[in-house]
Amino acid sequence: MEDRASSIEDKEMRPTGNALDVILVQTLDDADAFISTEWHVMFGWSTWKSNVRAGVGDAIDVYVNETRLNVSMKLLEYGRCTFNNIENEYLPPVGVDWAACKLKRDGSPNRVRFEHVRASRTYTRVIECDLYVWQPDDFAIIADLDGTITISDVEGHIRTLRLGQYDYMHVGVCAFLTKLHTIGARILYLTARPLNWAGGSRVHLKEARQDEIGLPPGPVITNSMGLTGALFTEVVNKNPHVFKAGVLLGIKDAMVRAGRRNDHPVFVAGFGNRPTDTVAYTDAGVPRNTSFLIDPESKLQAEGSEAYASYTDPKALLWLLPRIKYKVPIEHVRRIDELTASELDRDEEMEMLRYIQRERQSLLQEAAAAEQAHASAFPSM
């Protein structure tokens, strides 16, 4: 292993690789103790380099909010990184000094950076991701990406990741998820995309805008496997729900271990575009009547509900809100009531607008019919 003294020197920061976002659940007993979800980090890898040249075995420095952690990761073959933790190498070991990191606990992201420094290189390889602090009694809503936020699966990949067309989304999705965020819900972006696309997916969600409204902040969790493994899961095994359910159950377990006090589901609602999404969500405790599917025409529906025209239809929230009202901590109920009242007003306004439009159309049709009748009765000479 090469000497890392050169880490103190100024070097070019060269992004190479991807990492999943991390959730730290603050324990009830200690404000500076946390239960973490798994850390999946993968640096760029070349099959043409030997393990020695690639730096296999090197230490990977981890920074949170520009503070270097008192533990490091180790670089393995194929660019994977792990902690020195015999219980689970993807979890940080006991003893991390989180207090030094000045963690933001208001739902906004903390910045994480992984640095691979080698004396023989004139640059430092870096990967960045976000870290979110949740409370054990928080409630969350799941949102798939492709076909759920974006309009379709395949085009969602191409337009957002390849072409940077971040506005290729179902109408109203930004405002819809933002409203759910304002009542106190944590938003979890869960996708079967491979780990290789985590960074691009994160950029897409941060840059997305509809009528100047962006998507609310929240961790982006992709498949922890690389492109080949994710495609195998999606195309060959056709069981992405197994991966998604595993992620959700892992988060749920972290909440319980951190001291969750209520028996309500961690995940109170979910939005997807495939039946397998519903399977994953219900396996993790989401009630079927709040597990929504959306089609390519933007219509969304949960079990037992009508089909709503799009995310802009206030009736969708009017179906959802009463069904989660008593499954969340009581301090959020008032905000749910306020949003419900607001959506009722909006629904009445939209119904009135539809009525006016129908009346106008009817009058236009009557006028056209009268004009035609007049023309028939008095043909021009």
Protein backbone atom coordinates (compact mmCIF):
# COMPACT_ATOMS: atom_id res chain seq x y z
CA MET A 1 0.00 0.00 0.00
CA GLU A 2 1.33 3.38 -0.95
CA ASP A 3 2.03 6.13 1.53
CA ARG A 4 -0.93 8.52 1.90
CA ALA A 5 0.98 11.55 3.09
CA SER A 6 0.31 13.21 -0.23
CA SER A 7 -3.35 13.51 0.79
CA ILE A 8 -2.49 16.84 2.42
CA GLU A 9 -1.22 18.22 -0.87
CA ASP A 10 -3.46 20.09 -3.27
CA LYS A 11 -4.46 17.74 -6.05
CA GLU A 12 -7.07 17.79 -8.75
CA MET A 13 -10.31 16.25 -7.54
CA ARG A 14 -11.36 13.82 -10.26
CA PRO A 15 -14.88 12.32 -9.98
CA THR A 16 -14.87 8.62 -10.83
CA GLY A 17 -17.51 6.20 -9.64
CA ASN A 18 -20.80 6.22 -7.78
CA ALA A 19 -22.27 5.76 -4.31
CA LEU A 20 -25.75 5.31 -2.91
CA ASP A 21 -27.17 7.85 -0.52
CA VAL A 22 -27.11 6.94 3.17
CA ILE A 23 -29.72 7.22 5.92
CA LEU A 24 -28.63 7.66 9.53
CA VAL A 25 -31.42 7.08 12.03
CA GLN A 26 -30.79 8.99 15.26
CA THR A 27 -31.29 6.84 18.34
CA LEU A 28 -33.72 7.90 21.04
CA ASP A 29 -31.19 7.29 23.80
CA ASP A 30 -28.30 9.34 22.41
CA ALA A 31 -28.56 12.32 20.07
CA ASP A 32 -25.09 11.60 18.68
CA ALA A 33 -25.62 7.86 18.13
CA PHE A 34 -27.07 6.55 14.88
CA ILE A 35 -28.14 3.37 13.14
CA SER A 36 -26.98 3.45 9.53
CA THR A 37 -28.21 1.94 6.32
CA GLU A 38 -25.59 0.23 4.16
CA TRP A 39 -22.87 2.24 2.40
CA HIS A 40 -22.38 1.11 -1.20
CA VAL A 41 -19.45 2.81 -2.91
CA MET A 42 -17.84 1.82 -6.21
CA PHE A 43 -14.88 3.62 -7.81
CA GLY A 44 -14.24 3.44 -11.53
CA TRP A 45 -12.39 0.26 -12.45
CA SER A 46 -10.16 -0.78 -15.36
CA THR A 47 -9.64 -4.45 -16.16
CA TRP A 48 -6.34 -3.49 -17.80
CA LYS A 49 -4.73 -2.50 -14.51
CA SER A 50 -3.29 -4.93 -12.00
CA ASN A 51 -4.64 -4.87 -8.46
CA VAL A 52 -1.45 -3.18 -7.32
CA ARG A 53 -1.71 -0.40 -9.89
CA ALA A 54 -5.42 0.02 -9.21
CA GLY A 55 -4.74 0.45 -5.51
CA VAL A 56 -6.57 -2.59 -4.16
CA GLY A 57 -6.14 -2.53 -0.39
CA ASP A 58 -5.73 1.26 -0.22
CA ALA A 59 -7.58 3.25 2.42
CA ILE A 60 -10.47 5.42 1.26
CA ASP A 61 -10.92 8.57 3.31
CA VAL A 62 -14.53 9.48 4.09
CA TYR A 63 -15.60 13.10 4.64
CA VAL A 64 -19.00 14.21 5.92
CA ASN A 65 -19.68 17.95 5.64
CA GLU A 66 -15.94 18.40 4.99
CA THR A 67 -15.03 16.64 8.24
CA ARG A 68 -12.91 13.54 7.84
CA LEU A 69 -14.36 10.55 9.67
CA ASN A 70 -12.23 8.75 12.22
CA VAL A 71 -12.77 5.53 10.25
CA SER A 72 -11.92 4.76 6.64
CA MET A 73 -13.01 2.29 3.99
CA LYS A 74 -10.85 -0.12 2.01
CA LEU A 75 -10.68 -0.37 -1.78
CA LEU A 76 -11.39 -3.86 -3.12
CA GLU A 77 -11.35 -5.39 -6.58
CA TYR A 78 -13.72 -3.91 -9.15
CA GLY A 79 -13.70 -0.62 -7.25
CA ARG A 80 -15.89 -1.73 -4.37
CA CYS A 81 -15.28 -0.24 -0.92
CA THR A 82 -15.96 -1.73 2.51
CA PHE A 83 -15.52 -0.91 6.19
CA ASN A 84 -13.54 -2.97 8.67
CA ASN A 85 -16.67 -4.40 10.29
CA ILE A 86 -16.93 -8.16 10.77
CA GLU A 87 -20.69 -7.95 11.33
CA ASN A 88 -21.43 -6.18 8.04
CA GLU A 89 -18.65 -4.72 5.90
CA TYR A 90 -21.08 -2.24 4.34
CA LEU A 91 -21.87 -0.62 7.69
CA PRO A 92 -19.55 1.76 9.56
CA PRO A 93 -18.12 0.20 12.71
CA VAL A 94 -19.02 1.28 16.23
CA GLY A 95 -17.12 4.35 17.36
CA VAL A 96 -17.65 6.78 14.48
CA ASP A 97 -17.45 10.34 15.81
CA TRP A 98 -20.62 11.66 14.21
CA ALA A 99 -20.71 14.66 16.57
CA ALA A 100 -17.70 16.13 14.78
CA CYS A 101 -19.58 16.19 11.47
CA LYS A 102 -22.14 18.84 12.46
CA LEU A 103 -24.92 16.83 10.89
CA LYS A 104 -27.96 18.63 9.51
CA ARG A 105 -31.07 17.05 10.99
CA ASP A 106 -33.74 19.15 9.30
CA GLY A 107 -34.24 16.83 6.34
CA SER A 108 -31.70 18.56 4.10
CA PRO A 109 -28.78 16.52 2.76
CA ASN A 110 -25.35 16.25 4.34
CA ARG A 111 -22.54 16.01 1.80
CA VAL A 112 -20.38 12.88 1.79
CA ARG A 113 -17.13 12.56 -0.14
CA PHE A 114 -14.93 9.50 -0.61
CA GLU A 115 -11.29 10.15 -1.53
CA HIS A 116 -8.78 7.71 -2.97
CA VAL A 117 -5.33 9.30 -2.67
CA ARG A 118 -2.15 7.78 -4.12
CA ALA A 119 1.31 9.36 -3.97
CA SER A 120 1.98 8.27 -7.56
CA ARG A 121 -1.01 10.19 -8.91
CA THR A 122 -1.31 13.90 -9.54
CA TYR A 123 -5.03 13.73 -8.83
CA THR A 124 -7.38 12.40 -6.16
CA ARG A 125 -10.22 10.14 -7.19
CA VAL A 126 -13.46 11.19 -5.53
CA ILE A 127 -17.06 10.07 -5.25
CA GLU A 128 -19.84 12.11 -3.68
CA CYS A 129 -23.25 11.25 -2.31
CA ASP A 130 -25.74 12.56 0.24
CA LEU A 131 -26.49 11.51 3.80
CA TYR A 132 -29.85 12.12 5.47
CA VAL A 133 -30.63 12.03 9.18
CA TRP A 134 -34.01 10.53 10.04
CA GLN A 135 -35.73 10.11 13.40
CA PRO A 136 -36.93 6.65 14.48
CA ASP A 137 -40.61 7.68 14.49
CA ASP A 138 -40.51 9.37 11.07
CA PHE A 139 -42.86 8.24 8.31
CA ALA A 140 -41.87 7.97 4.68
CA ILE A 141 -43.32 7.82 1.18
CA ILE A 142 -41.64 5.83 -1.60
CA ALA A 143 -41.31 7.11 -5.15
CA ASP A 144 -39.94 5.06 -8.02
CA LEU A 145 -38.13 6.99 -10.78
CA ASP A 146 -38.54 5.57 -14.27
CA GLY A 147 -42.16 5.55 -15.39
CA THR A 148 -43.27 7.01 -12.04
CA ILE A 149 -41.53 10.37 -11.96
CA THR A 150 -40.40 10.19 -15.58
CA ILE A 151 -43.08 9.46 -18.17
CA SER A 152 -41.73 6.09 -19.31
CA ASP A 153 -39.12 3.51 -18.32
CA VAL A 154 -36.77 3.41 -21.31
CA GLU A 155 -37.16 7.03 -22.38
CA GLY A 156 -36.73 8.04 -18.76
CA HIS A 157 -33.25 6.51 -18.81
CA ILE A 158 -32.27 8.06 -22.12
CA ARG A 159 -33.69 11.55 -21.69
CA THR A 160 -32.61 12.19 -18.10
CA LEU A 161 -29.27 10.39 -17.98
CA ARG A 162 -28.04 10.80 -21.56
CA LEU A 163 -29.71 13.97 -22.81
CA GLY A 164 -30.16 15.91 -19.57
CA GLN A 165 -33.85 16.49 -20.24
CA TYR A 166 -34.82 16.73 -16.59
CA ASP A 167 -38.32 18.02 -17.37
CA TYR A 168 -39.39 14.71 -18.94
CA MET A 169 -41.80 13.97 -16.10
CA HIS A 170 -45.43 13.24 -15.42
CA VAL A 171 -47.34 16.50 -15.12
CA GLY A 172 -47.67 17.73 -11.55
CA VAL A 173 -45.31 15.24 -9.91
CA CYS A 174 -43.04 17.92 -8.40
CA ALA A 175 -45.90 19.77 -6.70
CA PHE A 176 -47.52 16.50 -5.60
CA LEU A 177 -44.44 15.14 -3.81
CA THR A 178 -43.62 18.59 -2.43
CA LYS A 179 -47.05 18.74 -0.77
CA LEU A 180 -46.43 15.36 0.85
CA HIS A 181 -43.05 16.59 2.04
CA THR A 182 -44.65 19.65 3.66
CA ILE A 183 -46.81 17.48 5.94
CA GLY A 184 -43.62 15.96 7.35
CA ALA A 185 -43.17 12.89 5.16
CA ARG A 186 -39.67 11.74 4.30
CA ILE A 187 -39.41 11.06 0.58
CA LEU A 188 -37.41 8.01 -0.50
CA TYR A 189 -36.44 7.73 -4.16
CA LEU A 190 -36.07 4.01 -4.87
CA THR A 191 -35.13 2.73 -8.32
CA ALA A 192 -33.93 -0.48 -9.94
CA ARG A 193 -31.33 1.52 -11.88
CA PRO A 194 -27.78 0.19 -11.33
CA LEU A 195 -25.27 1.71 -8.93
CA ASN A 196 -23.41 3.09 -11.97
CA TRP A 197 -26.29 5.51 -12.53
CA ALA A 198 -26.70 6.72 -8.93
CA GLY A 199 -24.89 10.02 -9.50
CA GLY A 200 -26.81 10.81 -12.67
CA SER A 201 -30.10 9.97 -10.97
CA ARG A 202 -29.24 12.28 -8.08
CA VAL A 203 -28.48 15.16 -10.47
CA HIS A 204 -31.73 14.54 -12.34
CA LEU A 205 -33.83 14.74 -9.17
CA LYS A 206 -32.08 17.90 -7.97
CA GLU A 207 -32.38 19.67 -11.32
CA ALA A 208 -35.98 18.68 -12.10
CA ARG A 209 -38.42 21.60 -12.27
CA GLN A 210 -42.09 22.06 -13.13
CA ASP A 211 -43.47 25.61 -12.96
CA GLU A 212 -40.45 26.59 -10.84
CA ILE A 213 -41.21 23.79 -8.35
CA GLY A 214 -38.54 21.18 -7.76
CA LEU A 215 -38.70 17.74 -6.22
CA PRO A 216 -38.33 17.55 -2.43
CA PRO A 217 -35.02 16.32 -1.00
CA GLY A 218 -34.62 12.68 -0.13
CA PRO A 219 -32.17 9.78 -0.39
CA VAL A 220 -31.67 8.18 -3.79
CA ILE A 221 -31.30 4.41 -3.53
CA THR A 222 -30.49 2.38 -6.64
CA ASN A 223 -29.67 -1.29 -7.04
CA SER A 224 -26.33 -1.79 -5.26
CA MET A 225 -25.10 -3.99 -8.10
CA GLY A 226 -23.39 -2.72 -11.22
CA LEU A 227 -24.98 -2.46 -14.64
CA THR A 228 -24.73 -6.17 -15.49
CA GLY A 229 -26.15 -7.32 -12.17
CA ALA A 230 -29.00 -4.81 -12.27
CA LEU A 231 -29.93 -5.81 -15.82
CA PHE A 232 -29.85 -9.47 -14.80
CA THR A 233 -32.26 -8.69 -11.96
CA GLU A 234 -34.55 -6.64 -14.19
CA VAL A 235 -34.49 -8.60 -17.46
CA VAL A 236 -33.56 -12.20 -16.66
CA ASN A 237 -34.86 -12.84 -13.15
CA LYS A 238 -37.63 -10.23 -13.51
CA ASN A 239 -37.69 -9.75 -9.75
CA PRO A 240 -36.68 -6.15 -8.98
CA HIS A 241 -39.27 -6.24 -6.20
CA VAL A 242 -36.98 -8.54 -4.19
CA PHE A 243 -34.22 -5.92 -4.23
CA LYS A 244 -36.63 -3.07 -3.46
CA ALA A 245 -38.33 -4.92 -0.61
CA GLY A 246 -34.91 -5.74 0.84
CA VAL A 247 -33.92 -2.07 0.85
CA LEU A 248 -37.19 -1.02 2.47
CA LEU A 249 -36.99 -3.72 5.14
CA GLY A 250 -33.40 -2.67 5.87
CA ILE A 251 -34.51 0.92 6.48
CA LYS A 252 -37.42 -0.31 8.58
CA ASP A 253 -35.04 -2.42 10.68
CA ALA A 254 -32.77 0.60 11.25
CA MET A 255 -35.75 2.62 12.50
CA VAL A 256 -36.74 -0.13 14.93
CA ARG A 257 -33.18 -0.60 16.21
CA ALA A 258 -32.94 3.15 16.77
CA GLY A 259 -35.89 2.94 19.17
CA ARG A 260 -39.05 3.39 17.10
CA ARG A 261 -41.91 3.73 19.58
CA ASN A 262 -45.04 3.38 17.46
CA ASP A 263 -46.49 0.42 15.59
CA HIS A 264 -47.49 2.42 12.53
CA PRO A 265 -45.83 1.51 9.22
CA VAL A 266 -42.59 3.33 8.42
CA PHE A 267 -43.72 3.58 4.80
CA VAL A 268 -47.28 4.86 4.61
CA ALA A 269 -47.57 5.15 0.81
CA GLY A 270 -45.73 4.27 -2.36
CA PHE A 271 -45.80 5.25 -6.02
CA GLY A 272 -44.64 2.98 -8.84
CA ASN A 273 -45.46 2.04 -12.41
CA ARG A 274 -45.29 -1.76 -12.28
CA PRO A 275 -47.15 -4.43 -10.30
CA THR A 276 -43.78 -5.54 -8.91
CA ASP A 277 -43.47 -2.11 -7.26
CA THR A 278 -46.72 -2.74 -5.41
CA VAL A 279 -45.45 -6.16 -4.32
CA ALA A 280 -42.26 -4.60 -2.90
CA TYR A 281 -44.14 -1.82 -1.14
CA THR A 282 -46.73 -4.09 0.46
CA ASP A 283 -43.99 -6.52 1.54
CA ALA A 284 -42.49 -3.59 3.45
CA GLY A 285 -45.79 -2.73 5.13
CA VAL A 286 -47.39 -0.18 2.77
CA PRO A 287 -51.18 -0.67 2.80
CA ARG A 288 -52.56 -1.72 -0.58
CA ASN A 289 -54.98 1.19 -0.67
CA THR A 290 -52.09 3.68 -0.52
CA SER A 291 -49.82 1.87 -2.99
CA PHE A 292 -50.34 3.70 -6.27
CA LEU A 293 -49.55 2.67 -9.83
CA ILE A 294 -49.22 5.25 -12.61
CA ASP A 295 -49.52 4.49 -16.32
CA PRO A 296 -47.82 6.14 -19.34
CA GLU A 297 -50.82 8.46 -19.71
CA SER A 298 -50.21 9.78 -16.16
CA LYS A 299 -53.31 8.14 -14.68
CA LEU A 300 -52.75 6.86 -11.16
CA GLN A 301 -54.76 4.48 -9.03
CA ALA A 302 -54.54 2.58 -5.75
CA GLU A 303 -56.48 -0.51 -4.75
CA GLY A 304 -60.10 0.49 -4.19
CA SER A 305 -59.71 4.01 -5.57
CA GLU A 306 -60.89 5.50 -8.83
CA ALA A 307 -58.38 6.24 -11.57
CA TYR A 308 -57.13 9.81 -11.17
CA ALA A 309 -56.29 11.84 -14.27
CA SER A 310 -52.78 12.76 -13.08
CA TYR A 311 -50.79 13.96 -10.10
CA THR A 312 -52.56 17.30 -10.55
CA ASP A 313 -55.95 15.80 -9.67
CA PRO A 314 -56.71 16.89 -6.07
CA LYS A 315 -58.85 13.79 -5.61
CA ALA A 316 -55.67 11.68 -5.49
CA LEU A 317 -54.49 13.47 -2.35
CA LEU A 318 -58.03 13.50 -0.98
CA TRP A 319 -57.97 9.70 -1.24
CA LEU A 320 -54.51 9.37 0.29
CA LEU A 321 -54.49 11.86 3.17
CA PRO A 322 -57.35 10.42 5.27
CA ARG A 323 -55.79 6.96 4.94
CA ILE A 324 -52.44 8.01 6.38
CA LYS A 325 -53.73 10.57 8.90
CA TYR A 326 -53.83 8.15 11.83
CA LYS A 327 -50.70 6.24 10.80
CA VAL A 328 -48.28 9.08 11.46
CA PRO A 329 -47.05 10.80 14.65
CA ILE A 330 -49.76 13.04 16.06
CA GLU A 331 -47.74 16.23 15.54
CA HIS A 332 -48.24 15.84 11.77
CA VAL A 333 -52.03 15.51 11.87
CA ARG A 334 -52.69 19.27 11.82
CA ARG A 335 -50.65 19.72 8.65
CA ILE A 336 -52.49 16.82 7.04
CA ASP A 337 -55.81 18.48 7.92
CA GLU A 338 -54.61 21.79 6.46
CA LEU A 339 -53.50 20.16 3.22
CA THR A 340 -56.78 18.24 3.02
CA ALA A 341 -58.74 21.49 3.36
CA SER A 342 -56.57 23.13 0.72
CA GLU A 343 -57.11 20.24 -1.71
CA LEU A 344 -60.87 20.33 -1.09
CA ASP A 345 -60.88 24.02 -2.04
CA ARG A 346 -58.78 23.27 -5.11
CA ASP A 347 -61.11 20.45 -6.11
CA GLU A 348 -64.13 22.76 -5.85
CA GLU A 349 -62.37 25.41 -7.93
CA MET A 350 -61.45 22.87 -10.60
CA GLU A 351 -65.00 21.50 -10.62
CA MET A 352 -66.35 25.02 -11.05
CA LEU A 353 -63.91 25.64 -13.88
CA ARG A 354 -64.99 22.40 -15.55
CA TYR A 355 -68.63 23.45 -15.15
CA ILE A 356 -67.95 26.84 -16.75
CA GLN A 357 -66.10 25.17 -19.61
CA ARG A 358 -68.97 22.72 -20.16
CA GLU A 359 -71.51 25.55 -20.17
CA ARG A 360 -69.40 27.56 -22.60
CA GLN A 361 -69.04 24.56 -24.88
CA SER A 362 -72.77 23.94 -24.71
CA LEU A 363 -73.53 27.56 -25.62
CA LEU A 364 -71.11 27.42 -28.53
CA GLN A 365 -72.75 24.25 -29.80
CA GLU A 366 -76.22 25.79 -29.47
CA ALA A 367 -75.06 28.88 -31.35
CA ALA A 368 -73.54 26.76 -34.10
CA ALA A 369 -76.72 24.70 -34.38
CA ALA A 370 -78.88 27.84 -34.53
CA GLU A 371 -76.66 29.32 -37.21
CA GLN A 372 -76.87 26.13 -39.23
CA ALA A 373 -80.66 26.04 -38.85
CA HIS A 374 -80.90 29.65 -39.98
CA ALA A 375 -78.71 28.92 -42.97
CA SER A 376 -80.93 25.99 -43.91
CA ALA A 377 -84.13 28.02 -43.54
CA PHE A 378 -82.83 31.00 -45.51
CA PRO A 379 -80.39 29.71 -48.10
CA SER A 380 -78.42 32.40 -49.84
CA MET A 381 -79.60 33.29 -53.33
